[in-house]
C-alpha atoms as a PDB file:
ATOM      1  CA  UNK A   1     -13.366   5.224 -10.937  1.00  0.00           C
ATOM      2  CA  UNK A   2     -12.279   1.603 -11.278  1.00  0.00           C
ATOM      3  CA  UNK A   3     -11.480  -0.411  -8.207  1.00  0.00           C
ATOM      4  CA  UNK A   4      -7.898   0.293  -7.237  1.00  0.00           C
ATOM      5  CA  UNK A   5      -5.130  -2.217  -7.765  1.00  0.00           C
ATOM      6  CA  UNK A   6      -4.548  -2.303  -4.045  1.00  0.00           C
ATOM      7  CA  UNK A   7      -8.139  -3.197  -3.422  1.00  0.00           C
ATOM      8  CA  UNK A   8      -8.358  -6.259  -5.678  1.00  0.00           C
ATOM      9  CA  UNK A   9      -7.973  -9.816  -4.468  1.00  0.00           C
ATOM     10  CA  UNK A  10      -6.015 -12.113  -6.718  1.00  0.00           C
ATOM     11  CA  UNK A  11      -7.319 -15.423  -7.974  1.00  0.00           C
ATOM     12  CA  UNK A  12      -6.202 -18.738  -6.506  1.00  0.00           C
ATOM     13  CA  UNK A  13      -4.544 -17.288  -3.450  1.00  0.00           C
ATOM     14  CA  UNK A  14      -2.190 -14.813  -5.124  1.00  0.00           C
ATOM     15  CA  UNK A  15      -2.784 -11.120  -4.520  1.00  0.00           C
ATOM     16  CA  UNK A  16      -1.749  -7.593  -5.288  1.00  0.00           C
ATOM     17  CA  UNK A  17      -0.063  -6.003  -2.319  1.00  0.00           C
ATOM     18  CA  UNK A  18      -1.967  -3.561  -0.163  1.00  0.00           C
ATOM     19  CA  UNK A  19      -1.279  -1.078  -1.077  1.00  0.00           C
ATOM     20  CA  UNK A  20      -1.620  -4.514  -1.070  1.00  0.00           C
ATOM     21  CA  UNK A  21      -4.740  -6.370  -0.180  1.00  0.00           C
ATOM     22  CA  UNK A  22      -4.689 -10.066   0.581  1.00  0.00           C
ATOM     23  CA  UNK A  23      -6.734 -13.043  -0.462  1.00  0.00           C
ATOM     24  CA  UNK A  24      -8.394 -13.879   2.794  1.00  0.00           C
ATOM     25  CA  UNK A  25     -11.970 -12.768   3.221  1.00  0.00           C
ATOM     26  CA  UNK A  26     -12.958 -11.448   6.602  1.00  0.00           C
ATOM     27  CA  UNK A  27     -15.834 -10.004   8.534  1.00  0.00           C
ATOM     28  CA  UNK A  28     -18.257  -7.205   7.866  1.00  0.00           C
ATOM     29  CA  UNK A  29     -17.186  -4.083   6.018  1.00  0.00           C
ATOM     30  CA  UNK A  30     -18.467  -1.723   8.668  1.00  0.00           C
ATOM     31  CA  UNK A  31     -17.111  -3.426  11.773  1.00  0.00           C
ATOM     32  CA  UNK A  32     -15.170  -1.301  14.230  1.00  0.00           C
ATOM     33  CA  UNK A  33     -14.011  -1.342  17.785  1.00  0.00           C
ATOM     34  CA  UNK A  34     -15.360   2.168  18.238  1.00  0.00           C
ATOM     35  CA  UNK A  35     -18.615   3.946  17.571  1.00  0.00           C
ATOM     36  CA  UNK A  36     -18.563   7.310  15.843  1.00  0.00           C
ATOM     37  CA  UNK A  37     -20.547  10.230  17.206  1.00  0.00           C
ATOM     38  CA  UNK A  38     -19.259  13.768  17.660  1.00  0.00           C
ATOM     39  CA  UNK A  39     -16.785  16.309  16.332  1.00  0.00           C
ATOM     40  CA  UNK A  40     -13.756  14.115  17.109  1.00  0.00           C
ATOM     41  CA  UNK A  41     -15.012  11.211  14.992  1.00  0.00           C
ATOM     42  CA  UNK A  42     -12.783   9.878  12.231  1.00  0.00           C
ATOM     43  CA  UNK A  43     -13.736   7.182   9.739  1.00  0.00           C
ATOM     44  CA  UNK A  44     -10.717   5.347   8.338  1.00  0.00           C
ATOM     45  CA  UNK A  45     -11.178   3.592   5.008  1.00  0.00           C
ATOM     46  CA  UNK A  46      -9.430   0.380   4.044  1.00  0.00           C
ATOM     47  CA  UNK A  47      -9.650  -1.657   0.859  1.00  0.00           C
ATOM     48  CA  UNK A  48     -12.207  -4.372   0.860  1.00  0.00           C
ATOM     49  CA  UNK A  49     -10.448  -7.510   2.110  1.00  0.00           C
ATOM     50  CA  UNK A  50      -9.363  -7.551   5.779  1.00  0.00           C
ATOM     51  CA  UNK A  51      -5.663  -8.347   6.002  1.00  0.00           C
ATOM     52  CA  UNK A  52      -2.746  -8.212   8.418  1.00  0.00           C
ATOM     53  CA  UNK A  53      -1.205  -5.476   6.266  1.00  0.00           C
ATOM     54  CA  UNK A  54      -3.840  -3.204   7.816  1.00  0.00           C
ATOM     55  CA  UNK A  55      -2.851  -4.288  11.333  1.00  0.00           C
ATOM     56  CA  UNK A  56      -1.637  -0.831  12.443  1.00  0.00           C
ATOM     57  CA  UNK A  57      -5.164   0.506  12.011  1.00  0.00           C
ATOM     58  CA  UNK A  58      -6.709  -2.523  13.716  1.00  0.00           C
ATOM     59  CA  UNK A  59      -4.230  -2.312  16.611  1.00  0.00           C
ATOM     60  CA  UNK A  60      -4.599   1.447  17.060  1.00  0.00           C
ATOM     61  CA  UNK A  61      -8.361   0.966  17.235  1.00  0.00           C
ATOM     62  CA  UNK A  62      -8.358  -2.136  19.461  1.00  0.00           C
ATOM     63  CA  UNK A  63      -5.798  -0.777  21.922  1.00  0.00           C
ATOM     64  CA  UNK A  64      -7.415   2.652  22.185  1.00  0.00           C
ATOM     65  CA  UNK A  65      -4.512   4.514  20.614  1.00  0.00           C
ATOM     66  CA  UNK A  66      -6.868   6.604  18.504  1.00  0.00           C
ATOM     67  CA  UNK A  67      -8.901   7.407  21.605  1.00  0.00           C
ATOM     68  CA  UNK A  68      -5.728   8.322  23.486  1.00  0.00           C
ATOM     69  CA  UNK A  69      -4.842  10.707  20.658  1.00  0.00           C
ATOM     70  CA  UNK A  70      -8.214  12.403  21.018  1.00  0.00           C
ATOM     71  CA  UNK A  71     -10.362  10.856  18.296  1.00  0.00           C
ATOM     72  CA  UNK A  72     -13.063   8.222  18.070  1.00  0.00           C
ATOM     73  CA  UNK A  73     -12.258   5.974  15.140  1.00  0.00           C
ATOM     74  CA  UNK A  74     -14.544   3.942  12.936  1.00  0.00           C
ATOM     75  CA  UNK A  75     -12.727   1.471  10.706  1.00  0.00           C
ATOM     76  CA  UNK A  76     -14.504   0.878   7.412  1.00  0.00           C
ATOM     77  CA  UNK A  77     -13.643  -1.706   4.754  1.00  0.00           C
ATOM     78  CA  UNK A  78     -14.765  -0.816   1.260  1.00  0.00           C
ATOM     79  CA  UNK A  79     -17.342  -2.752  -0.684  1.00  0.00           C
ATOM     80  CA  UNK A  80     -15.963  -5.062  -3.379  1.00  0.00           C
ATOM     81  CA  UNK A  81     -17.126  -2.785  -6.207  1.00  0.00           C
ATOM     82  CA  UNK A  82     -16.270   0.494  -4.517  1.00  0.00           C
ATOM     83  CA  UNK A  83     -13.707   2.888  -5.896  1.00  0.00           C
ATOM     84  CA  UNK A  84     -10.647   3.610  -3.793  1.00  0.00           C
ATOM     85  CA  UNK A  85     -11.490   7.277  -3.170  1.00  0.00           C
ATOM     86  CA  UNK A  86     -15.268   7.182  -3.697  1.00  0.00           C
ATOM     87  CA  UNK A  87     -16.289   7.146  -0.033  1.00  0.00           C
ATOM     88  CA  UNK A  88     -13.592   9.662   0.904  1.00  0.00           C
ATOM     89  CA  UNK A  89     -14.781  12.200  -1.631  1.00  0.00           C
ATOM     90  CA  UNK A  90     -18.409  11.541  -0.703  1.00  0.00           C
ATOM     91  CA  UNK A  91     -17.661  12.327   2.948  1.00  0.00           C
ATOM     92  CA  UNK A  92     -18.342   8.764   4.119  1.00  0.00           C
ATOM     93  CA  UNK A  93     -14.679   8.406   5.097  1.00  0.00           C
ATOM     94  CA  UNK A  94     -12.242  10.946   6.444  1.00  0.00           C
ATOM     95  CA  UNK A  95      -8.987   9.217   5.558  1.00  0.00           C
ATOM     96  CA  UNK A  96      -8.085   6.163   3.486  1.00  0.00           C
ATOM     97  CA  UNK A  97      -5.009   3.961   3.296  1.00  0.00           C
ATOM     98  CA  UNK A  98      -4.109   4.219  -0.370  1.00  0.00           C
ATOM     99  CA  UNK A  99      -1.126   3.900  -2.647  1.00  0.00           C
ATOM    100  CA  UNK A 100       0.654   7.190  -3.206  1.00  0.00           C
ATOM    101  CA  UNK A 101       1.014   6.654  -6.937  1.00  0.00           C
ATOM    102  CA  UNK A 102      -2.706   6.055  -7.342  1.00  0.00           C
ATOM    103  CA  UNK A 103      -3.445   9.161  -5.269  1.00  0.00           C
ATOM    104  CA  UNK A 104      -1.324  11.247  -7.638  1.00  0.00           C
ATOM    105  CA  UNK A 105      -3.078   9.805 -10.687  1.00  0.00           C
ATOM    106  CA  UNK A 106      -6.469  10.535  -9.098  1.00  0.00           C
ATOM    107  CA  UNK A 107      -5.360  14.073  -8.193  1.00  0.00           C
ATOM    108  CA  UNK A 108      -4.429  14.623 -11.840  1.00  0.00           C
ATOM    109  CA  UNK A 109      -8.120  14.061 -12.612  1.00  0.00           C
ATOM    110  CA  UNK A 110      -8.971  17.043 -10.429  1.00  0.00           C
ATOM    111  CA  UNK A 111      -9.755  15.204  -7.193  1.00  0.00           C
ATOM    112  CA  UNK A 112      -8.998  17.007  -3.922  1.00  0.00           C
ATOM    113  CA  UNK A 113      -6.477  14.629  -2.362  1.00  0.00           C
ATOM    114  CA  UNK A 114      -3.460  14.991  -0.089  1.00  0.00           C
ATOM    115  CA  UNK A 115      -1.270  12.471   1.701  1.00  0.00           C
ATOM    116  CA  UNK A 116      -0.874  13.444   5.351  1.00  0.00           C
ATOM    117  CA  UNK A 117       1.190  10.532   6.642  1.00  0.00           C
ATOM    118  CA  UNK A 118       3.514   7.739   5.653  1.00  0.00           C
ATOM    119  CA  UNK A 119       2.208   4.173   5.878  1.00  0.00           C
ATOM    120  CA  UNK A 120       4.907   2.235   4.021  1.00  0.00           C
ATOM    121  CA  UNK A 121       8.359   3.716   4.510  1.00  0.00           C
ATOM    122  CA  UNK A 122       9.846   1.457   1.824  1.00  0.00           C
ATOM    123  CA  UNK A 123       8.532   0.589  -1.611  1.00  0.00           C
ATOM    124  CA  UNK A 124       7.566  -3.103  -1.807  1.00  0.00           C
ATOM    125  CA  UNK A 125       7.560  -3.580  -5.579  1.00  0.00           C
ATOM    126  CA  UNK A 126       9.886  -6.175  -7.077  1.00  0.00           C
ATOM    127  CA  UNK A 127      10.465  -8.174 -10.228  1.00  0.00           C
ATOM    128  CA  UNK A 128       9.895 -11.840  -9.403  1.00  0.00           C
ATOM    129  CA  UNK A 129      11.496 -14.610 -11.426  1.00  0.00           C
ATOM    130  CA  UNK A 130      11.971 -18.380 -11.053  1.00  0.00           C
ATOM    131  CA  UNK A 131      14.979 -19.229  -8.894  1.00  0.00           C
ATOM    132  CA  UNK A 132      16.806 -20.737 -11.872  1.00  0.00           C
ATOM    133  CA  UNK A 133      16.068 -17.814 -14.205  1.00  0.00           C
ATOM    134  CA  UNK A 134      19.004 -16.216 -16.039  1.00  0.00           C
ATOM    135  CA  UNK A 135      17.525 -12.830 -15.148  1.00  0.00           C
ATOM    136  CA  UNK A 136      19.748 -11.455 -12.396  1.00  0.00           C
ATOM    137  CA  UNK A 137      19.377  -7.694 -12.810  1.00  0.00           C
ATOM    138  CA  UNK A 138      16.753  -5.335 -14.117  1.00  0.00           C
ATOM    139  CA  UNK A 139      18.857  -4.840 -17.235  1.00  0.00           C
ATOM    140  CA  UNK A 140      18.479  -8.563 -17.938  1.00  0.00           C
ATOM    141  CA  UNK A 141      14.791  -8.001 -18.642  1.00  0.00           C
ATOM    142  CA  UNK A 142      15.704  -6.963 -22.174  1.00  0.00           C
ATOM    143  CA  UNK A 143      13.916  -9.210 -24.617  1.00  0.00           C
ATOM    144  CA  UNK A 144      11.851 -10.835 -21.865  1.00  0.00           C
ATOM    145  CA  UNK A 145       8.114 -11.013 -21.197  1.00  0.00           C
ATOM    146  CA  UNK A 146       6.878  -9.407 -17.977  1.00  0.00           C
ATOM    147  CA  UNK A 147       3.473 -10.412 -16.642  1.00  0.00           C
ATOM    148  CA  UNK A 148       1.310  -7.876 -14.805  1.00  0.00           C
ATOM    149  CA  UNK A 149      -2.418  -7.688 -13.994  1.00  0.00           C
ATOM    150  CA  UNK A 150      -2.934  -4.959 -16.579  1.00  0.00           C
ATOM    151  CA  UNK A 151      -1.660  -1.619 -17.786  1.00  0.00           C
ATOM    152  CA  UNK A 152      -3.048   0.350 -14.849  1.00  0.00           C
ATOM    153  CA  UNK A 153      -2.386   0.891 -11.172  1.00  0.00           C
ATOM    154  CA  UNK A 154       0.580   0.290  -8.929  1.00  0.00           C
ATOM    155  CA  UNK A 155       1.855  -2.880 -10.627  1.00  0.00           C
ATOM    156  CA  UNK A 156       1.992  -1.128 -13.979  1.00  0.00           C
ATOM    157  CA  UNK A 157       3.773   1.920 -12.581  1.00  0.00           C
ATOM    158  CA  UNK A 158       6.263  -0.357 -10.807  1.00  0.00           C
ATOM    159  CA  UNK A 159       6.898  -2.210 -14.066  1.00  0.00           C
ATOM    160  CA  UNK A 160       7.690   1.007 -15.902  1.00  0.00           C
ATOM    161  CA  UNK A 161       9.956   2.079 -13.042  1.00  0.00           C
ATOM    162  CA  UNK A 162      11.786  -1.266 -13.199  1.00  0.00           C
ATOM    163  CA  UNK A 163      12.275  -0.922 -16.942  1.00  0.00           C
ATOM    164  CA  UNK A 164      13.665   2.585 -16.499  1.00  0.00           C
ATOM    165  CA  UNK A 165      15.938   1.507 -13.631  1.00  0.00           C
ATOM    166  CA  UNK A 166      17.321  -1.243 -15.859  1.00  0.00           C
ATOM    167  CA  UNK A 167      18.299   1.325 -18.474  1.00  0.00           C
ATOM    168  CA  UNK A 168      15.697  -0.035 -20.877  1.00  0.00           C
ATOM    169  CA  UNK A 169      12.786   1.234 -22.929  1.00  0.00           C
ATOM    170  CA  UNK A 170       9.326  -0.309 -23.015  1.00  0.00           C
ATOM    171  CA  UNK A 171      10.145  -1.429 -26.562  1.00  0.00           C
ATOM    172  CA  UNK A 172      12.925  -3.610 -25.120  1.00  0.00           C
ATOM    173  CA  UNK A 173      10.459  -5.861 -23.277  1.00  0.00           C
ATOM    174  CA  UNK A 174       7.040  -7.403 -23.756  1.00  0.00           C
ATOM    175  CA  UNK A 175       4.502  -6.356 -21.136  1.00  0.00           C
ATOM    176  CA  UNK A 176       1.809  -9.010 -20.926  1.00  0.00           C
ATOM    177  CA  UNK A 177      -1.517  -8.290 -19.203  1.00  0.00           C
ATOM    178  CA  UNK A 178      -2.312 -11.604 -17.517  1.00  0.00           C
ATOM    179  CA  UNK A 179      -4.845 -10.570 -14.888  1.00  0.00           C
ATOM    180  CA  UNK A 180      -4.267 -11.752 -11.366  1.00  0.00           C
ATOM    181  CA  UNK A 181      -2.533 -14.966 -12.437  1.00  0.00           C
ATOM    182  CA  UNK A 182       1.096 -14.037 -11.802  1.00  0.00           C
ATOM    183  CA  UNK A 183       1.834 -17.146  -9.776  1.00  0.00           C
ATOM    184  CA  UNK A 184       0.312 -19.587 -12.248  1.00  0.00           C
ATOM    185  CA  UNK A 185       1.806 -17.822 -15.269  1.00  0.00           C
ATOM    186  CA  UNK A 186       5.284 -17.793 -13.757  1.00  0.00           C
ATOM    187  CA  UNK A 187       5.075 -21.431 -12.675  1.00  0.00           C
ATOM    188  CA  UNK A 188       3.946 -22.509 -16.146  1.00  0.00           C
ATOM    189  CA  UNK A 189       6.649 -20.522 -17.918  1.00  0.00           C
ATOM    190  CA  UNK A 190       4.106 -18.368 -19.742  1.00  0.00           C
ATOM    191  CA  UNK A 191       6.096 -15.273 -18.762  1.00  0.00           C
ATOM    192  CA  UNK A 192       9.745 -14.750 -17.869  1.00  0.00           C
ATOM    193  CA  UNK A 193       9.041 -12.501 -14.913  1.00  0.00           C
ATOM    194  CA  UNK A 194       6.201 -10.846 -13.043  1.00  0.00           C
ATOM    195  CA  UNK A 195       6.027  -7.645 -11.058  1.00  0.00           C
ATOM    196  CA  UNK A 196       4.601  -8.025  -7.585  1.00  0.00           C
ATOM    197  CA  UNK A 197       5.130  -7.066  -3.991  1.00  0.00           C
ATOM    198  CA  UNK A 198       7.696  -8.466  -1.607  1.00  0.00           C
ATOM    199  CA  UNK A 199       5.326  -8.656   1.356  1.00  0.00           C
ATOM    200  CA  UNK A 200       2.515 -10.404  -0.429  1.00  0.00           C
ATOM    201  CA  UNK A 201       2.972 -11.843  -3.917  1.00  0.00           C
ATOM    202  CA  UNK A 202       6.446 -13.182  -3.164  1.00  0.00           C
ATOM    203  CA  UNK A 203       5.293 -14.529   0.198  1.00  0.00           C
ATOM    204  CA  UNK A 204       2.293 -16.291  -1.321  1.00  0.00           C
ATOM    205  CA  UNK A 205       4.415 -17.849  -4.069  1.00  0.00           C
ATOM    206  CA  UNK A 206       6.914 -19.259  -1.610  1.00  0.00           C
ATOM    207  CA  UNK A 207       4.152 -20.596   0.613  1.00  0.00           C
ATOM    208  CA  UNK A 208       2.755 -22.422  -2.410  1.00  0.00           C
ATOM    209  CA  UNK A 209       6.129 -24.108  -2.957  1.00  0.00           C
ATOM    210  CA  UNK A 210       7.218 -22.030  -5.946  1.00  0.00           C
ATOM    211  CA  UNK A 211      10.994 -21.446  -5.898  1.00  0.00           C
ATOM    212  CA  UNK A 212      11.529 -17.795  -6.789  1.00  0.00           C
ATOM    213  CA  UNK A 213      13.958 -14.910  -6.588  1.00  0.00           C
ATOM    214  CA  UNK A 214      13.171 -11.232  -6.155  1.00  0.00           C
ATOM    215  CA  UNK A 215      14.948  -8.453  -7.986  1.00  0.00           C
ATOM    216  CA  UNK A 216      14.048  -5.353  -5.971  1.00  0.00           C
ATOM    217  CA  UNK A 217      13.529  -1.947  -7.411  1.00  0.00           C
ATOM    218  CA  UNK A 218      16.256   0.280  -6.002  1.00  0.00           C
ATOM    219  CA  UNK A 219      14.539   1.748  -2.945  1.00  0.00           C
ATOM    220  CA  UNK A 220      16.843   4.754  -3.003  1.00  0.00           C
ATOM    221  CA  UNK A 221      15.941   5.785  -6.531  1.00  0.00           C
ATOM    222  CA  UNK A 222      12.521   4.279  -7.247  1.00  0.00           C
ATOM    223  CA  UNK A 223      10.243   7.253  -7.958  1.00  0.00           C
ATOM    224  CA  UNK A 224       7.159   5.682  -6.404  1.00  0.00           C
ATOM    225  CA  UNK A 225       5.398   5.825  -3.044  1.00  0.00           C
ATOM    226  CA  UNK A 226       3.327   2.920  -1.812  1.00  0.00           C
ATOM    227  CA  UNK A 227       0.644   2.909   0.886  1.00  0.00           C
ATOM    228  CA  UNK A 228       0.015   6.288   2.493  1.00  0.00           C
ATOM    229  CA  UNK A 229      -2.559   7.975   4.717  1.00  0.00           C
ATOM    230  CA  UNK A 230      -4.645  10.000   2.288  1.00  0.00           C
ATOM    231  CA  UNK A 231      -7.458  12.485   2.841  1.00  0.00           C
ATOM    232  CA  UNK A 232      -8.819  15.615   1.201  1.00  0.00           C
ATOM    233  CA  UNK A 233      -7.149  18.977   1.678  1.00  0.00           C
ATOM    234  CA  UNK A 234     -10.522  20.354   2.749  1.00  0.00           C
ATOM    235  CA  UNK A 235     -10.898  17.821   5.564  1.00  0.00           C
ATOM    236  CA  UNK A 236      -7.303  18.091   6.757  1.00  0.00           C
ATOM    237  CA  UNK A 237      -7.428  21.878   6.919  1.00  0.00           C
ATOM    238  CA  UNK A 238     -10.728  21.793   8.776  1.00  0.00           C
ATOM    239  CA  UNK A 239      -9.664  19.023  11.183  1.00  0.00           C
ATOM    240  CA  UNK A 240      -5.927  19.410  11.845  1.00  0.00           C
ATOM    241  CA  UNK A 241      -6.023  17.804  15.298  1.00  0.00           C
ATOM    242  CA  UNK A 242      -7.883  14.743  14.008  1.00  0.00           C
ATOM    243  CA  UNK A 243      -5.447  14.450  11.107  1.00  0.00           C
ATOM    244  CA  UNK A 244      -2.473  14.536  13.468  1.00  0.00           C
ATOM    245  CA  UNK A 245      -4.136  12.005  15.745  1.00  0.00           C
ATOM    246  CA  UNK A 246      -4.670   9.498  12.944  1.00  0.00           C
ATOM    247  CA  UNK A 247      -1.076   9.777  11.755  1.00  0.00           C
ATOM    248  CA  UNK A 248       0.500   9.601  15.212  1.00  0.00           C
ATOM    249  CA  UNK A 249      -1.668   6.759  16.524  1.00  0.00           C
ATOM    250  CA  UNK A 250      -1.209   4.662  13.384  1.00  0.00           C
ATOM    251  CA  UNK A 251       2.557   5.154  13.550  1.00  0.00           C
ATOM    252  CA  UNK A 252       2.567   4.263  17.255  1.00  0.00           C
ATOM    253  CA  UNK A 253       0.713   1.049  16.441  1.00  0.00           C
ATOM    254  CA  UNK A 254       3.382   0.141  13.885  1.00  0.00           C
ATOM    255  CA  UNK A 255       6.064   0.513  16.528  1.00  0.00           C
ATOM    256  CA  UNK A 256       4.014  -1.533  18.996  1.00  0.00           C
ATOM    257  CA  UNK A 257       3.664  -4.317  16.423  1.00  0.00           C
ATOM    258  CA  UNK A 258       7.412  -4.328  15.810  1.00  0.00           C
ATOM    259  CA  UNK A 259       7.954  -4.880  19.533  1.00  0.00           C
ATOM    260  CA  UNK A 260       5.283  -7.577  19.806  1.00  0.00           C
ATOM    261  CA  UNK A 261       3.976  -8.951  16.466  1.00  0.00           C
ATOM    262  CA  UNK A 262       1.340 -11.018  18.245  1.00  0.00           C
ATOM    263  CA  UNK A 263      -0.728  -7.883  18.873  1.00  0.00           C
ATOM    264  CA  UNK A 264      -1.100  -7.507  15.111  1.00  0.00           C
ATOM    265  CA  UNK A 265      -2.386 -11.042  14.690  1.00  0.00           C
ATOM    266  CA  UNK A 266      -4.772 -10.680  17.618  1.00  0.00           C
ATOM    267  CA  UNK A 267      -6.238  -7.432  16.310  1.00  0.00           C
ATOM    268  CA  UNK A 268      -6.431  -8.681  12.716  1.00  0.00           C
ATOM    269  CA  UNK A 269      -8.270 -11.815  13.843  1.00  0.00           C
ATOM    270  CA  UNK A 270     -11.192  -9.609  14.879  1.00  0.00           C
ATOM    271  CA  UNK A 271     -11.605  -8.731  11.214  1.00  0.00           C
ATOM    272  CA  UNK A 272     -10.201 -11.696   9.293  1.00  0.00           C
ATOM    273  CA  UNK A 273     -12.162 -14.685  10.514  1.00  0.00           C
ATOM    274  CA  UNK A 274     -10.011 -17.109   8.503  1.00  0.00           C
ATOM    275  CA  UNK A 275      -7.163 -16.705  11.010  1.00  0.00           C
ATOM    276  CA  UNK A 276      -8.703 -19.480  13.090  1.00  0.00           C
ATOM    277  CA  UNK A 277      -7.272 -21.790  10.406  1.00  0.00           C
ATOM    278  CA  UNK A 278      -3.616 -22.761  10.962  1.00  0.00           C
ATOM    279  CA  UNK A 279      -2.711 -22.414   7.284  1.00  0.00           C
ATOM    280  CA  UNK A 280      -4.205 -18.928   7.058  1.00  0.00           C
ATOM    281  CA  UNK A 281      -2.562 -17.944  10.328  1.00  0.00           C
ATOM    282  CA  UNK A 282       0.808 -19.154   9.065  1.00  0.00           C
ATOM    283  CA  UNK A 283       0.382 -17.134   5.892  1.00  0.00           C
ATOM    284  CA  UNK A 284      -0.555 -14.049   7.913  1.00  0.00           C
ATOM    285  CA  UNK A 285       2.562 -14.510  10.034  1.00  0.00           C
ATOM    286  CA  UNK A 286       4.708 -14.646   6.900  1.00  0.00           C
ATOM    287  CA  UNK A 287       3.062 -11.550   5.405  1.00  0.00           C
ATOM    288  CA  UNK A 288       3.462  -9.713   8.717  1.00  0.00           C
ATOM    289  CA  UNK A 289       7.164 -10.561   8.960  1.00  0.00           C
ATOM    290  CA  UNK A 290       7.691  -9.142   5.475  1.00  0.00           C
ATOM    291  CA  UNK A 291       5.545  -6.063   6.127  1.00  0.00           C
ATOM    292  CA  UNK A 292       6.972  -4.786   9.428  1.00  0.00           C
ATOM    293  CA  UNK A 293      10.211  -3.576   7.746  1.00  0.00           C
ATOM    294  CA  UNK A 294       8.119  -1.683   5.200  1.00  0.00           C
ATOM    295  CA  UNK A 295       6.350   0.195   7.977  1.00  0.00           C
ATOM    296  CA  UNK A 296       9.529   1.042   9.857  1.00  0.00           C
ATOM    297  CA  UNK A 297      12.011   1.804   7.079  1.00  0.00           C
ATOM    298  CA  UNK A 298      15.724   2.313   7.588  1.00  0.00           C
ATOM    299  CA  UNK A 299      15.272   4.027  10.950  1.00  0.00           C
ATOM    300  CA  UNK A 300      13.470   0.979  12.390  1.00  0.00           C
ATOM    301  CA  UNK A 301      10.825   3.346  13.762  1.00  0.00           C
ATOM    302  CA  UNK A 302       7.654   4.735  12.280  1.00  0.00           C
ATOM    303  CA  UNK A 303       6.802   8.404  12.763  1.00  0.00           C
ATOM    304  CA  UNK A 304       4.512   9.112   9.818  1.00  0.00           C
ATOM    305  CA  UNK A 305       6.938  11.572   8.228  1.00  0.00           C
ATOM    306  CA  UNK A 306       6.980  11.373   4.438  1.00  0.00           C
ATOM    307  CA  UNK A 307       9.863  11.742   2.002  1.00  0.00           C
ATOM    308  CA  UNK A 308       8.804  14.839   0.095  1.00  0.00           C
ATOM    309  CA  UNK A 309      11.601  14.471  -2.464  1.00  0.00           C
ATOM    310  CA  UNK A 310      10.351  11.027  -3.467  1.00  0.00           C
ATOM    311  CA  UNK A 311       6.828  12.372  -3.864  1.00  0.00           C
ATOM    312  CA  UNK A 312       8.147  15.114  -6.131  1.00  0.00           C
ATOM    313  CA  UNK A 313      10.115  12.566  -8.170  1.00  0.00           C
ATOM    314  CA  UNK A 314       7.007  10.397  -8.413  1.00  0.00           C
ATOM    315  CA  UNK A 315       4.912  13.220  -9.837  1.00  0.00           C
ATOM    316  CA  UNK A 316       7.589  13.857 -12.462  1.00  0.00           C
ATOM    317  CA  UNK A 317       7.892  10.152 -13.284  1.00  0.00           C
ATOM    318  CA  UNK A 318       4.157   9.549 -13.599  1.00  0.00           C
ATOM    319  CA  UNK A 319       3.904  12.629 -15.804  1.00  0.00           C
ATOM    320  CA  UNK A 320       6.744  11.388 -17.998  1.00  0.00           C
ATOM    321  CA  UNK A 321       5.047   8.040 -18.642  1.00  0.00           C
ATOM    322  CA  UNK A 322       1.797   9.731 -19.628  1.00  0.00           C
ATOM    323  CA  UNK A 323      -0.563   8.454 -16.932  1.00  0.00           C
ATOM    324  CA  UNK A 324      -1.470  11.865 -15.492  1.00  0.00           C
ATOM    325  CA  UNK A 325      -4.499  13.622 -16.952  1.00  0.00           C
ATOM    326  CA  UNK A 326      -3.500  17.037 -15.692  1.00  0.00           C
ATOM    327  CA  UNK A 327      -0.820  18.877 -13.746  1.00  0.00           C
ATOM    328  CA  UNK A 328      -0.180  17.893 -10.128  1.00  0.00           C
ATOM    329  CA  UNK A 329       1.633  20.232  -7.758  1.00  0.00           C
ATOM    330  CA  UNK A 330       3.921  18.070  -5.565  1.00  0.00           C
ATOM    331  CA  UNK A 331       3.569  20.564  -2.730  1.00  0.00           C
ATOM    332  CA  UNK A 332      -0.214  20.185  -2.817  1.00  0.00           C
ATOM    333  CA  UNK A 333      -0.463  16.396  -2.964  1.00  0.00           C
ATOM    334  CA  UNK A 334       1.667  15.681   0.130  1.00  0.00           C
ATOM    335  CA  UNK A 335       2.384  17.391   3.449  1.00  0.00           C
ATOM    336  CA  UNK A 336       4.212  16.637   6.683  1.00  0.00           C
ATOM    337  CA  UNK A 337       2.194  19.225   8.579  1.00  0.00           C
ATOM    338  CA  UNK A 338       0.256  16.500  10.353  1.00  0.00           C
ATOM    339  CA  UNK A 339       3.165  14.151  11.108  1.00  0.00           C
ATOM    340  CA  UNK A 340       5.040  13.909  14.396  1.00  0.00           C
ATOM    341  CA  UNK A 341       6.149  17.444  15.211  1.00  0.00           C
ATOM    342  CA  UNK A 342       9.562  16.467  16.550  1.00  0.00           C
ATOM    343  CA  UNK A 343      10.377  13.969  13.848  1.00  0.00           C
ATOM    344  CA  UNK A 344       9.484  16.272  10.994  1.00  0.00           C
ATOM    345  CA  UNK A 345      11.050  19.455  12.327  1.00  0.00           C
ATOM    346  CA  UNK A 346      13.634  19.428   9.559  1.00  0.00           C
ATOM    347  CA  UNK A 347      11.143  18.516   6.846  1.00  0.00           C
ATOM    348  CA  UNK A 348       8.719  21.231   5.808  1.00  0.00           C
ATOM    349  CA  UNK A 349       5.486  20.614   3.942  1.00  0.00           C
END
């Protein structure tokens, strides 16, 4: 399986969002604040570049929240050539932070995957245009050229969702595969718009001095789910207490970061050694400020509970655009069984 979109670093300081990884290299892939031995061990997989977008996992580990929830966590960053779900399916990881849309596509290939907890409550995809662009709405993309890394992964699915939300067909636009050069291509006028992520691509562009505007995908109707806590059904069913612990502790860390963002920077610095540099630290601060609302959503509180209706809509949407290789049962790919019991009482898996 090819390296996931959320696990690729972009060239020249621009990146795909975590879902979603950033452009700052960090410390060793196997580093963790905990050592794993015993039945309560959980290995949490992250894409290969340490980044503040993973701060909830770093904070939950560093502050002992996983231990408090009854598990011993090992945090594992993937190798640069490692597939998103490779280690999970090989039993080297127990859970992985992965984009929901990519999990559905992988499940359509017959892989045993299920999302057990929400990581991003809001979808971060957006169409990004120069500030002086005549493109003001998604419908204005008609006749325009949209730059994306390639016709695969989260950016591609977000592009197709944007086209649909604008009342357009793919034949109404030109989709240009430009690799990870969105910033340079937009600045040079090689494309009219790019699709990126509000908490990373847009942040990086503004930090570079590029004057841009974002046209968000309608969060209420976008049939896509971004970063989620994904595992296998086999592991979740065999380790329900560990699954609940990972979801609850990660959500608690998100709430702790919202109350005191400095804890996120402190914990991330143990992984991303570039944060000793003021420029890198400033960029991390900007990414963090844009990411906290994605973790918390409209309720301004994370609880790990997933929107099952959006997952169902996503399966239908991905099927309609022809990227699924087989049928996916929405009730099998996502569950709230392992989310906060009180928060999800009205939402059944």
